[in-house]
N, C-alpha and C. Protein backbone atom coordinates (compact mmCIF):
# COMPACT_ATOMS: atom_id res chain seq x y z
N MET A 1 28.58 -9.28 14.99
CA MET A 1 29.29 -10.56 14.99
C MET A 1 30.18 -10.95 13.93
N LYS A 2 31.10 -11.69 14.40
CA LYS A 2 32.18 -12.08 13.36
C LYS A 2 31.97 -13.64 13.12
N ARG A 3 31.83 -14.01 11.75
CA ARG A 3 31.59 -15.48 11.64
C ARG A 3 32.44 -16.55 12.34
N GLU A 4 33.68 -16.15 12.39
CA GLU A 4 34.60 -17.16 13.00
C GLU A 4 34.26 -17.50 14.50
N GLU A 5 33.57 -16.47 15.05
CA GLU A 5 33.23 -16.49 16.55
C GLU A 5 31.96 -17.26 16.63
N LEU A 6 31.00 -17.58 15.47
CA LEU A 6 29.72 -18.09 15.69
C LEU A 6 29.70 -19.76 15.82
N PRO A 7 28.79 -20.32 16.38
CA PRO A 7 29.12 -21.77 16.28
C PRO A 7 29.08 -22.36 14.88
N GLY A 8 30.14 -23.31 15.03
CA GLY A 8 30.45 -24.17 13.71
C GLY A 8 31.34 -22.93 12.96
N ARG A 9 31.97 -21.96 13.75
CA ARG A 9 32.62 -20.78 13.03
C ARG A 9 32.13 -20.10 11.94
N GLY A 10 30.67 -20.36 11.77
CA GLY A 10 30.08 -19.43 10.83
C GLY A 10 30.03 -20.23 9.25
N GLU A 11 30.70 -21.40 9.27
CA GLU A 11 31.21 -21.81 8.09
C GLU A 11 29.85 -22.21 7.22
N GLY A 12 28.96 -22.62 7.68
CA GLY A 12 27.57 -23.11 7.28
C GLY A 12 27.49 -24.48 6.95
N ASN A 13 28.48 -25.39 7.33
CA ASN A 13 28.28 -26.87 7.32
C ASN A 13 27.37 -27.36 8.29
N VAL A 14 27.41 -26.75 9.37
CA VAL A 14 26.27 -26.98 10.50
C VAL A 14 25.74 -25.81 11.00
N LEU A 15 24.61 -25.76 11.39
CA LEU A 15 23.85 -24.50 11.48
C LEU A 15 23.09 -24.58 12.93
N PRO A 16 22.91 -23.62 13.72
CA PRO A 16 22.22 -23.67 14.96
C PRO A 16 20.75 -23.44 14.66
N LEU A 17 19.94 -24.64 14.63
CA LEU A 17 18.91 -24.71 14.10
C LEU A 17 17.62 -24.26 15.38
N VAL A 18 16.87 -23.18 14.92
CA VAL A 18 15.81 -22.98 16.05
C VAL A 18 14.67 -23.62 15.79
N GLU A 19 14.20 -23.83 14.55
CA GLU A 19 13.22 -24.68 14.15
C GLU A 19 13.32 -24.84 12.61
N GLN A 20 12.22 -25.95 12.39
CA GLN A 20 12.05 -26.05 10.87
C GLN A 20 10.70 -26.59 10.77
N PHE A 21 9.96 -26.08 9.84
CA PHE A 21 8.68 -26.68 9.57
C PHE A 21 8.09 -26.21 8.14
N TYR A 22 7.02 -27.04 7.91
CA TYR A 22 6.45 -27.09 6.56
C TYR A 22 4.97 -26.14 6.93
N THR A 23 4.68 -25.14 6.11
CA THR A 23 3.66 -24.31 6.24
C THR A 23 3.38 -23.80 5.02
N LEU A 24 2.42 -22.83 5.06
CA LEU A 24 2.14 -21.57 3.95
C LEU A 24 3.02 -20.37 4.35
N GLN A 25 3.72 -19.54 3.32
CA GLN A 25 4.35 -18.42 3.29
C GLN A 25 3.02 -17.59 3.87
N GLY A 26 3.20 -16.60 4.98
CA GLY A 26 2.30 -15.67 5.41
C GLY A 26 2.57 -14.40 4.91
N GLU A 27 3.68 -13.94 4.38
CA GLU A 27 3.79 -12.83 4.31
C GLU A 27 4.37 -12.13 2.72
N GLY A 28 4.09 -10.93 2.37
CA GLY A 28 4.71 -10.67 0.85
C GLY A 28 4.32 -11.23 -0.08
N PHE A 29 5.21 -11.03 -1.12
CA PHE A 29 4.76 -11.48 -2.46
C PHE A 29 4.31 -12.95 -2.76
N HIS A 30 4.89 -13.90 -1.86
CA HIS A 30 4.67 -15.48 -1.89
C HIS A 30 3.90 -15.75 -0.92
N THR A 31 2.91 -14.90 -0.34
CA THR A 31 1.84 -15.24 0.59
C THR A 31 0.80 -16.30 -0.06
N GLY A 32 0.47 -17.30 1.00
CA GLY A 32 -0.19 -18.59 0.50
C GLY A 32 0.49 -19.74 -0.04
N LYS A 33 1.77 -19.63 -0.45
CA LYS A 33 2.47 -20.57 -1.11
C LYS A 33 2.99 -21.52 -0.20
N ALA A 34 2.92 -22.77 -0.24
CA ALA A 34 3.43 -23.86 0.63
C ALA A 34 4.88 -23.72 0.66
N ALA A 35 5.61 -23.66 1.58
CA ALA A 35 6.91 -23.51 1.70
C ALA A 35 7.49 -24.30 3.16
N TYR A 36 8.70 -24.65 3.11
CA TYR A 36 9.27 -25.20 4.29
C TYR A 36 10.26 -24.05 4.83
N PHE A 37 10.05 -23.92 6.18
CA PHE A 37 10.93 -22.87 6.77
C PHE A 37 11.92 -23.48 7.52
N ILE A 38 13.15 -22.80 7.34
CA ILE A 38 14.45 -23.07 8.15
C ILE A 38 14.69 -21.88 8.94
N ARG A 39 14.73 -21.77 10.29
CA ARG A 39 14.91 -20.76 11.19
C ARG A 39 16.33 -20.83 11.76
N ILE A 40 17.31 -20.06 11.56
CA ILE A 40 18.62 -20.28 12.02
C ILE A 40 19.12 -19.20 13.10
N GLY A 41 19.52 -19.54 14.26
CA GLY A 41 19.58 -18.68 15.31
C GLY A 41 20.96 -17.90 14.95
N GLY A 42 20.75 -16.88 15.83
CA GLY A 42 21.80 -15.68 15.89
C GLY A 42 21.34 -14.27 15.34
N CYS A 43 21.40 -13.20 15.90
CA CYS A 43 20.95 -12.05 15.53
C CYS A 43 21.63 -11.03 16.63
N ASP A 44 22.22 -10.08 16.05
CA ASP A 44 22.67 -8.86 16.89
C ASP A 44 22.02 -7.67 16.51
N ILE A 45 20.89 -7.84 15.80
CA ILE A 45 19.98 -6.46 15.48
C ILE A 45 19.30 -5.63 16.66
N GLY A 46 18.56 -6.91 17.07
CA GLY A 46 17.84 -6.54 18.53
C GLY A 46 16.40 -5.51 18.13
N CYS A 47 15.77 -5.88 17.20
CA CYS A 47 14.41 -4.90 16.96
C CYS A 47 13.75 -5.14 18.20
N ARG A 48 13.05 -4.36 18.66
CA ARG A 48 12.28 -4.34 20.01
C ARG A 48 11.04 -4.94 19.86
N TRP A 49 10.62 -5.04 18.42
CA TRP A 49 9.14 -5.52 18.20
C TRP A 49 9.62 -6.98 17.76
N CYS A 50 10.47 -7.48 17.88
CA CYS A 50 10.99 -8.73 17.34
C CYS A 50 10.11 -10.13 17.69
N ASP A 51 9.35 -10.76 16.81
CA ASP A 51 8.50 -11.96 17.43
C ASP A 51 9.27 -13.26 17.30
N SER A 52 10.62 -13.43 17.28
CA SER A 52 11.51 -14.38 17.32
C SER A 52 12.51 -14.25 18.12
N LYS A 53 12.43 -13.50 19.32
CA LYS A 53 13.67 -13.11 20.26
C LYS A 53 14.38 -14.43 20.61
N VAL A 54 13.79 -15.70 20.73
CA VAL A 54 14.41 -16.95 21.00
C VAL A 54 15.59 -17.39 19.96
N SER A 55 15.51 -16.46 18.65
CA SER A 55 16.63 -16.80 17.87
C SER A 55 17.90 -15.91 18.24
N TRP A 56 17.56 -15.03 18.74
CA TRP A 56 18.85 -14.07 18.85
C TRP A 56 20.22 -14.56 19.13
N SER A 57 20.13 -15.59 20.16
CA SER A 57 21.32 -16.18 20.77
C SER A 57 21.59 -17.55 19.88
N PRO A 58 22.80 -17.52 19.10
CA PRO A 58 22.80 -18.61 18.52
C PRO A 58 23.37 -19.78 19.22
N GLY A 59 24.04 -19.46 20.50
CA GLY A 59 24.66 -20.62 21.26
C GLY A 59 23.74 -21.41 22.00
N ILE A 60 22.37 -20.99 22.18
CA ILE A 60 21.51 -22.08 22.85
C ILE A 60 20.78 -23.09 21.92
N HIS A 61 21.10 -22.94 20.68
CA HIS A 61 20.36 -24.02 19.65
C HIS A 61 21.36 -24.85 19.31
N GLN A 62 20.83 -26.11 18.81
CA GLN A 62 21.51 -27.15 18.53
C GLN A 62 22.20 -27.19 17.33
N LEU A 63 23.52 -27.55 17.15
CA LEU A 63 24.19 -27.42 15.76
C LEU A 63 23.82 -28.45 14.96
N VAL A 64 23.19 -28.41 14.00
CA VAL A 64 22.69 -29.39 13.08
C VAL A 64 23.42 -29.49 11.80
N PRO A 65 23.90 -30.59 11.35
CA PRO A 65 24.57 -30.70 9.91
C PRO A 65 23.40 -30.43 8.90
N VAL A 66 23.93 -29.71 7.79
CA VAL A 66 23.30 -29.23 6.77
C VAL A 66 22.38 -30.39 6.02
N GLU A 67 23.20 -31.59 6.03
CA GLU A 67 22.53 -32.78 5.21
C GLU A 67 21.28 -33.27 6.14
N ASP A 68 21.39 -33.09 7.59
CA ASP A 68 20.20 -33.41 8.21
C ASP A 68 19.10 -32.47 8.18
N ILE A 69 19.27 -31.30 7.81
CA ILE A 69 18.32 -30.31 7.74
C ILE A 69 17.55 -30.67 6.52
N VAL A 70 18.36 -30.89 5.26
CA VAL A 70 17.67 -31.21 4.07
C VAL A 70 17.07 -32.41 4.09
N ALA A 71 17.31 -33.20 4.86
CA ALA A 71 16.46 -34.77 4.81
C ALA A 71 15.49 -34.41 5.48
N LYS A 72 15.19 -33.40 6.43
CA LYS A 72 13.82 -33.25 6.77
C LYS A 72 12.82 -32.57 5.68
N VAL A 73 13.71 -31.67 5.13
CA VAL A 73 12.84 -31.00 3.74
C VAL A 73 12.32 -32.09 3.06
N LEU A 74 13.05 -33.11 2.68
CA LEU A 74 12.81 -34.10 1.60
C LEU A 74 11.67 -34.98 2.26
N GLU A 75 11.41 -35.01 3.45
CA GLU A 75 10.25 -35.91 4.01
C GLU A 75 8.87 -35.19 3.73
N THR A 76 9.00 -34.01 3.27
CA THR A 76 7.75 -33.21 2.86
C THR A 76 7.68 -32.95 1.25
N PRO A 77 6.39 -32.49 0.79
CA PRO A 77 6.36 -32.36 -0.66
C PRO A 77 6.93 -30.66 -1.10
N ALA A 78 7.53 -30.28 -0.12
CA ALA A 78 7.98 -29.05 -0.29
C ALA A 78 8.83 -28.94 -1.59
N ARG A 79 8.48 -27.81 -2.40
CA ARG A 79 9.29 -27.67 -3.54
C ARG A 79 10.02 -26.08 -3.19
N ALA A 80 9.82 -25.34 -2.13
CA ALA A 80 10.37 -24.06 -1.88
C ALA A 80 10.87 -24.26 -0.41
N VAL A 81 11.99 -23.64 -0.27
CA VAL A 81 12.36 -23.38 1.12
C VAL A 81 12.71 -22.05 1.61
N VAL A 82 12.22 -21.46 2.64
CA VAL A 82 12.42 -20.08 3.15
C VAL A 82 13.43 -20.10 4.48
N VAL A 83 14.59 -19.51 4.29
CA VAL A 83 15.44 -19.56 5.42
C VAL A 83 15.59 -18.11 5.86
N THR A 84 15.31 -18.16 7.17
CA THR A 84 15.06 -16.92 7.94
C THR A 84 15.95 -16.82 9.36
N GLY A 85 15.37 -16.15 10.25
CA GLY A 85 16.33 -16.07 11.46
C GLY A 85 15.42 -15.55 12.72
N GLY A 86 16.05 -14.96 13.60
CA GLY A 86 17.63 -14.57 13.48
C GLY A 86 17.93 -13.59 12.20
N GLU A 87 19.17 -13.78 11.99
CA GLU A 87 19.59 -13.14 10.77
C GLU A 87 20.56 -14.16 10.26
N PRO A 88 20.06 -14.90 9.05
CA PRO A 88 20.71 -15.96 8.48
C PRO A 88 21.98 -15.58 7.89
N SER A 89 21.98 -14.43 7.11
CA SER A 89 23.41 -13.91 6.48
C SER A 89 24.50 -13.93 7.54
N LEU A 90 24.44 -14.21 8.79
CA LEU A 90 25.51 -14.25 9.49
C LEU A 90 26.31 -15.47 9.14
N TYR A 91 25.76 -16.44 8.41
CA TYR A 91 26.64 -17.91 8.15
C TYR A 91 26.80 -17.79 6.66
N ASN A 92 27.61 -18.64 6.28
CA ASN A 92 27.70 -18.89 5.15
C ASN A 92 26.86 -20.09 4.62
N LEU A 93 25.70 -19.35 3.66
CA LEU A 93 24.71 -20.34 3.20
C LEU A 93 24.93 -21.05 2.02
N ASN A 94 26.27 -21.13 1.47
CA ASN A 94 26.25 -21.81 0.18
C ASN A 94 26.31 -23.24 0.47
N PRO A 95 26.60 -23.91 1.47
CA PRO A 95 26.43 -25.15 1.81
C PRO A 95 25.13 -25.72 1.93
N LEU A 96 23.90 -24.98 2.33
CA LEU A 96 22.65 -25.23 2.50
C LEU A 96 21.86 -24.99 1.24
N CYS A 97 22.43 -23.94 0.33
CA CYS A 97 21.75 -23.62 -0.90
C CYS A 97 22.21 -24.90 -1.84
N ASP A 98 23.42 -25.30 -1.93
CA ASP A 98 23.92 -26.04 -2.75
C ASP A 98 23.14 -27.52 -2.57
N ALA A 99 22.97 -27.74 -1.36
CA ALA A 99 22.38 -28.93 -1.09
C ALA A 99 20.95 -28.95 -1.53
N LEU A 100 20.13 -28.09 -1.20
CA LEU A 100 18.88 -27.70 -1.49
C LEU A 100 18.75 -27.93 -3.31
N LYS A 101 19.90 -27.25 -3.92
CA LYS A 101 19.74 -27.08 -5.22
C LYS A 101 19.74 -28.20 -6.06
N LYS A 102 20.35 -29.43 -5.54
CA LYS A 102 20.60 -30.63 -6.09
C LYS A 102 19.17 -31.38 -6.07
N HIS A 103 18.31 -30.79 -5.30
CA HIS A 103 16.99 -31.48 -5.36
C HIS A 103 15.86 -30.48 -5.99
N SER A 104 16.49 -29.61 -6.76
CA SER A 104 15.76 -28.51 -7.45
C SER A 104 14.57 -27.94 -6.61
N ILE A 105 15.11 -27.57 -5.40
CA ILE A 105 14.45 -27.01 -4.60
C ILE A 105 14.40 -25.49 -4.57
N GLU A 106 13.33 -24.73 -4.63
CA GLU A 106 13.74 -23.32 -4.74
C GLU A 106 14.21 -22.76 -3.50
N THR A 107 14.77 -21.67 -3.54
CA THR A 107 15.50 -21.03 -2.25
C THR A 107 15.19 -19.48 -2.08
N PHE A 108 14.37 -19.45 -1.20
CA PHE A 108 14.09 -17.96 -0.48
C PHE A 108 14.69 -17.46 0.67
N LEU A 109 15.19 -16.36 0.73
CA LEU A 109 15.90 -15.66 1.75
C LEU A 109 15.07 -14.62 2.43
N GLU A 110 14.99 -14.51 3.71
CA GLU A 110 14.67 -13.38 4.28
C GLU A 110 15.58 -12.83 5.21
N THR A 111 16.15 -11.55 4.91
CA THR A 111 17.10 -11.08 5.64
C THR A 111 17.30 -9.62 5.85
N SER A 112 17.99 -9.06 6.76
CA SER A 112 17.80 -7.40 6.81
C SER A 112 18.91 -6.94 5.99
N GLY A 113 19.77 -7.83 5.49
CA GLY A 113 20.94 -7.33 4.58
C GLY A 113 22.00 -6.56 5.41
N ALA A 114 22.24 -6.99 6.73
CA ALA A 114 23.22 -6.31 7.49
C ALA A 114 24.58 -6.97 7.21
N TYR A 115 24.57 -8.16 6.59
CA TYR A 115 25.92 -9.06 6.37
C TYR A 115 25.87 -9.29 4.89
N PRO A 116 26.99 -9.60 4.43
CA PRO A 116 27.21 -9.96 3.02
C PRO A 116 26.55 -11.31 2.49
N LEU A 117 25.87 -11.13 1.42
CA LEU A 117 25.18 -12.13 0.93
C LEU A 117 25.92 -13.54 0.38
N THR A 118 25.45 -14.62 0.79
CA THR A 118 26.11 -15.78 0.35
C THR A 118 24.93 -16.66 -0.10
N GLY A 119 25.14 -17.60 -0.70
CA GLY A 119 23.89 -18.73 -1.05
C GLY A 119 23.55 -18.36 -2.42
N THR A 120 22.75 -19.37 -3.03
CA THR A 120 22.05 -18.91 -4.34
C THR A 120 20.68 -18.95 -4.25
N TRP A 121 19.88 -17.93 -4.65
CA TRP A 121 18.83 -17.58 -4.31
C TRP A 121 17.54 -17.44 -5.38
N ASP A 122 16.57 -17.81 -5.36
CA ASP A 122 15.59 -17.61 -6.49
C ASP A 122 14.66 -16.39 -5.98
N TRP A 123 14.81 -15.94 -4.60
CA TRP A 123 14.00 -14.78 -4.22
C TRP A 123 14.62 -14.40 -3.05
N ILE A 124 14.85 -13.05 -2.75
CA ILE A 124 15.54 -12.47 -1.69
C ILE A 124 14.44 -11.41 -1.39
N CYS A 125 13.98 -11.50 -0.06
CA CYS A 125 13.12 -10.37 0.62
C CYS A 125 14.08 -9.67 1.61
N LEU A 126 14.26 -8.50 1.34
CA LEU A 126 14.85 -7.66 2.12
C LEU A 126 14.09 -6.62 3.15
N SER A 127 14.42 -6.82 4.31
CA SER A 127 13.73 -6.06 5.20
C SER A 127 14.73 -5.23 6.23
N PRO A 128 15.06 -4.08 5.80
CA PRO A 128 16.04 -3.30 6.24
C PRO A 128 15.77 -2.84 7.86
N LYS A 129 16.81 -2.76 8.75
CA LYS A 129 16.33 -2.29 10.03
C LYS A 129 17.36 -1.07 10.10
N ARG A 130 16.78 0.03 11.17
CA ARG A 130 17.78 1.29 11.13
C ARG A 130 18.72 1.23 12.21
N ASN A 131 18.72 0.20 13.07
CA ASN A 131 19.67 0.16 13.95
C ASN A 131 20.87 -0.96 13.41
N MET A 132 20.83 -1.16 12.20
CA MET A 132 21.98 -1.71 11.65
C MET A 132 21.68 -1.83 10.06
N HIS A 133 22.10 -0.94 9.31
CA HIS A 133 21.89 -0.91 7.97
C HIS A 133 22.27 -1.95 7.04
N PRO A 134 21.68 -2.10 5.94
CA PRO A 134 21.96 -3.18 5.03
C PRO A 134 23.34 -2.97 4.21
N LYS A 135 23.86 -3.73 3.78
CA LYS A 135 24.97 -3.67 3.00
C LYS A 135 24.73 -3.04 1.49
N PRO A 136 25.46 -2.28 1.20
CA PRO A 136 24.82 -1.68 -0.07
C PRO A 136 24.38 -2.42 -1.36
N ALA A 137 25.14 -3.58 -1.45
CA ALA A 137 25.00 -4.59 -2.77
C ALA A 137 23.64 -5.14 -2.44
N ILE A 138 23.10 -5.41 -1.28
CA ILE A 138 21.93 -6.23 -1.13
C ILE A 138 20.67 -5.48 -1.78
N TYR A 139 20.72 -4.18 -1.83
CA TYR A 139 19.48 -3.42 -2.32
C TYR A 139 19.37 -3.84 -3.83
N GLN A 140 20.42 -4.15 -4.55
CA GLN A 140 20.25 -4.53 -6.11
C GLN A 140 19.95 -5.80 -6.18
N ALA A 141 20.19 -6.81 -5.27
CA ALA A 141 19.93 -8.06 -5.40
C ALA A 141 18.58 -8.57 -5.04
N ALA A 142 17.91 -7.63 -4.20
CA ALA A 142 16.46 -8.00 -3.46
C ALA A 142 15.67 -7.90 -4.53
N ASP A 143 14.56 -8.92 -4.46
CA ASP A 143 13.36 -8.98 -5.43
C ASP A 143 12.29 -8.22 -4.66
N GLU A 144 12.14 -8.17 -3.31
CA GLU A 144 11.18 -7.70 -2.47
C GLU A 144 11.72 -6.84 -1.38
N LEU A 145 11.04 -5.59 -1.29
CA LEU A 145 11.51 -4.90 -0.10
C LEU A 145 10.25 -4.72 0.76
N LYS A 146 10.74 -5.07 2.11
CA LYS A 146 9.65 -5.50 2.89
C LYS A 146 9.94 -4.48 4.41
N MET A 147 9.16 -3.33 4.32
CA MET A 147 9.24 -2.45 5.51
C MET A 147 8.05 -2.69 6.47
N ILE A 148 8.75 -2.85 7.69
CA ILE A 148 7.85 -3.28 9.12
C ILE A 148 7.42 -1.65 9.52
N ILE A 149 6.21 -1.52 9.67
CA ILE A 149 5.71 -0.08 10.27
C ILE A 149 5.27 -0.20 11.62
N TYR A 150 6.08 0.40 12.63
CA TYR A 150 5.79 0.28 14.06
C TYR A 150 5.42 1.70 14.26
N GLU A 151 5.98 2.97 13.96
CA GLU A 151 5.81 4.13 14.28
C GLU A 151 5.85 5.10 13.06
N PRO A 152 5.49 6.35 13.02
CA PRO A 152 5.09 7.02 11.95
C PRO A 152 6.46 7.26 11.07
N ASP A 153 7.48 7.33 11.93
CA ASP A 153 9.03 7.71 11.33
C ASP A 153 9.32 6.38 10.54
N ASP A 154 8.68 5.35 10.55
CA ASP A 154 8.99 4.23 9.77
C ASP A 154 8.88 4.41 8.08
N TYR A 155 7.77 5.22 7.85
CA TYR A 155 7.48 5.49 6.49
C TYR A 155 8.67 6.30 5.83
N LEU A 156 9.44 7.22 6.40
CA LEU A 156 10.30 7.87 6.05
C LEU A 156 11.80 7.13 5.76
N TRP A 157 11.74 5.76 6.67
CA TRP A 157 12.86 5.13 6.39
C TRP A 157 12.43 4.20 5.27
N ALA A 158 11.42 3.83 5.10
CA ALA A 158 10.93 2.97 3.90
C ALA A 158 11.33 3.54 2.59
N GLU A 159 10.98 5.01 2.45
CA GLU A 159 11.12 5.71 1.33
C GLU A 159 12.76 5.95 1.05
N GLU A 160 13.39 5.99 2.31
CA GLU A 160 14.91 6.02 2.02
C GLU A 160 15.30 4.81 1.40
N CYS A 161 15.05 3.67 1.87
CA CYS A 161 15.51 2.52 1.36
C CYS A 161 14.99 2.19 0.00
N ALA A 162 13.84 2.48 -0.18
CA ALA A 162 13.19 2.47 -1.66
C ALA A 162 13.94 3.18 -2.55
N LYS A 163 14.81 4.10 -2.34
CA LYS A 163 15.60 5.00 -3.24
C LYS A 163 16.66 4.09 -3.56
N ARG A 164 17.34 2.99 -3.15
CA ARG A 164 18.32 2.27 -3.31
C ARG A 164 18.03 1.00 -4.01
N ILE A 165 16.75 0.35 -4.17
CA ILE A 165 16.48 -0.72 -4.77
C ILE A 165 16.40 -0.83 -6.08
N ARG A 166 16.48 -1.66 -7.07
CA ARG A 166 16.38 -1.69 -8.28
C ARG A 166 14.83 -1.46 -8.80
N LEU A 167 14.56 -1.21 -10.14
CA LEU A 167 13.36 -0.64 -10.49
C LEU A 167 12.18 -1.85 -10.24
N ASN A 168 12.66 -2.98 -10.62
CA ASN A 168 11.51 -4.15 -10.64
C ASN A 168 11.48 -4.64 -9.27
N CYS A 169 11.99 -4.18 -8.14
CA CYS A 169 11.95 -4.77 -7.13
C CYS A 169 10.70 -4.44 -6.35
N LEU A 170 9.89 -5.31 -5.91
CA LEU A 170 8.43 -5.06 -5.47
C LEU A 170 8.58 -4.27 -3.77
N ARG A 171 7.74 -3.70 -3.42
CA ARG A 171 7.56 -2.72 -2.30
C ARG A 171 6.35 -2.94 -1.49
N PHE A 172 6.82 -3.57 -0.08
CA PHE A 172 5.62 -3.89 0.65
C PHE A 172 5.65 -3.02 2.11
N LEU A 173 4.40 -2.56 2.60
CA LEU A 173 4.39 -2.00 3.81
C LEU A 173 3.90 -3.07 4.80
N GLN A 174 4.44 -3.36 5.75
CA GLN A 174 3.61 -4.32 6.78
C GLN A 174 3.57 -3.85 8.39
N PRO A 175 2.55 -3.82 8.73
CA PRO A 175 2.14 -3.38 9.83
C PRO A 175 2.91 -4.52 10.97
N GLU A 176 3.50 -3.85 12.03
CA GLU A 176 4.16 -4.63 13.16
C GLU A 176 2.89 -5.28 13.98
N TRP A 177 2.96 -6.77 14.28
CA TRP A 177 1.75 -7.24 14.65
C TRP A 177 1.08 -6.61 15.88
N SER A 178 1.82 -6.44 16.93
CA SER A 178 1.31 -5.95 18.10
C SER A 178 0.84 -4.48 18.05
N ARG A 179 0.93 -3.82 17.07
CA ARG A 179 0.22 -2.67 16.72
C ARG A 179 -0.48 -2.43 15.39
N PHE A 180 -0.93 -3.83 15.05
CA PHE A 180 -1.86 -3.97 13.82
C PHE A 180 -3.10 -2.92 13.64
N SER A 181 -3.88 -3.14 14.87
CA SER A 181 -5.00 -2.14 14.72
C SER A 181 -4.82 -0.83 14.64
N ILE A 182 -3.59 -0.38 15.31
CA ILE A 182 -3.20 1.05 15.14
C ILE A 182 -2.87 1.53 13.93
N ASN A 183 -2.04 0.70 13.22
CA ASN A 183 -1.17 0.91 12.08
C ASN A 183 -1.91 0.51 10.66
N ILE A 184 -2.99 -0.42 10.72
CA ILE A 184 -3.38 -0.78 9.46
C ILE A 184 -4.12 0.16 8.54
N GLY A 185 -4.82 1.12 9.37
CA GLY A 185 -5.78 2.06 8.72
C GLY A 185 -4.72 2.96 7.91
N PRO A 186 -3.75 3.85 8.67
CA PRO A 186 -2.84 4.66 8.06
C PRO A 186 -1.90 3.88 6.84
N ILE A 187 -1.68 2.53 7.30
CA ILE A 187 -0.88 1.89 6.10
C ILE A 187 -1.78 2.01 4.78
N VAL A 188 -2.84 1.43 4.80
CA VAL A 188 -3.71 1.42 3.51
C VAL A 188 -3.85 2.60 3.18
N GLU A 189 -4.03 3.73 3.77
CA GLU A 189 -4.10 5.41 3.12
C GLU A 189 -2.87 5.57 2.49
N TYR A 190 -1.71 5.15 3.11
CA TYR A 190 -0.42 5.52 2.52
C TYR A 190 -0.22 4.78 1.24
N ALA A 191 -0.56 3.52 1.31
CA ALA A 191 -0.44 2.62 0.02
C ALA A 191 -1.34 3.30 -1.10
N LYS A 192 -2.46 3.88 -0.84
CA LYS A 192 -3.42 4.53 -1.73
C LYS A 192 -2.88 5.74 -2.33
N THR A 193 -2.17 6.46 -1.57
CA THR A 193 -1.63 7.76 -2.14
C THR A 193 -0.07 7.74 -2.53
N HIS A 194 0.29 6.23 -2.29
CA HIS A 194 1.74 6.25 -2.73
C HIS A 194 1.86 4.47 -3.45
N PRO A 195 1.06 4.72 -4.71
CA PRO A 195 0.85 3.23 -5.17
C PRO A 195 1.86 2.44 -5.92
N ASP A 196 3.22 3.01 -5.52
CA ASP A 196 4.34 2.26 -5.62
C ASP A 196 4.48 1.17 -4.78
N TRP A 197 3.85 1.35 -3.48
CA TRP A 197 3.92 0.21 -2.28
C TRP A 197 2.66 -0.46 -2.33
N MET A 198 2.75 -1.69 -1.85
CA MET A 198 1.50 -2.56 -1.46
C MET A 198 1.59 -2.84 0.12
N VAL A 199 0.56 -3.67 0.29
CA VAL A 199 0.44 -4.03 1.86
C VAL A 199 0.59 -5.28 2.06
N SER A 200 1.55 -5.78 2.84
CA SER A 200 1.89 -7.18 3.32
C SER A 200 1.24 -7.34 4.70
N LEU A 201 0.59 -8.29 4.76
CA LEU A 201 -0.01 -8.89 6.20
C LEU A 201 0.75 -10.27 6.56
N GLN A 202 0.62 -10.25 8.03
CA GLN A 202 1.12 -11.66 8.50
C GLN A 202 -0.02 -12.56 8.54
N SER A 203 -0.38 -12.79 7.37
CA SER A 203 -1.73 -13.84 7.38
C SER A 203 -1.47 -15.11 7.93
N HIS A 204 -0.37 -15.67 8.24
CA HIS A 204 -0.30 -16.85 8.74
C HIS A 204 -1.02 -16.48 10.50
N LYS A 205 -0.64 -15.55 10.88
CA LYS A 205 -1.39 -15.39 12.34
C LYS A 205 -2.89 -15.31 12.17
N PHE A 206 -3.41 -14.65 11.01
CA PHE A 206 -4.73 -14.93 10.90
C PHE A 206 -5.18 -16.22 10.64
N MET A 207 -4.52 -16.97 10.10
CA MET A 207 -5.05 -18.25 9.78
C MET A 207 -4.37 -19.34 11.01
N ARG A 208 -3.80 -18.85 12.01
CA ARG A 208 -3.30 -19.55 13.09
C ARG A 208 -2.47 -20.72 12.91
N ILE A 209 -1.51 -20.61 11.77
CA ILE A 209 -0.57 -21.59 11.59
C ILE A 209 0.87 -21.10 11.72
N PRO A 210 1.93 -22.18 11.68
CA PRO A 210 3.30 -21.54 12.00
C PRO A 210 3.67 -20.46 10.99
């Protein structure tokens, strides 16, 4: 996708908002941390196992000004915001991050890395996808590498991506939810034999929270 062809021309002053809500982070390093989630519409990667396919088409979601989104954040006690999608890096995220930083709110990004990075981030979770590889620069910016394991070949993809990250970037293997019972055992064994990796679970689904 080209930014200028996106709703609001992709400039980031208005964003196609899929949903926003206050909950706990369910995955990765910050699991269990209270966080406000902002899900932005638009994604052309098309993972077959995506659990938020409603976010793929940006045109079906209401364009909401950044100041209105941030106002909703400020109605909660949230001190951290997770920006996710879809693929949020389709948009210029500088306006959103600038508005959040004015209120000393931590900014966390969840991205495939397929588009150039914008915004100011306290934590970047990179989750690369094979059908649209990350931009090279994102590997060195990532704080956390989260690899979704759906089939056995995904371990090879995980190791290929791990060669590109910086030394202090954390590594997580996460079972794709629909195949959790199939994959969790092999993932545990893989982490035991490859101790550079940790296991991430979608704990919010076990807790039955958003």
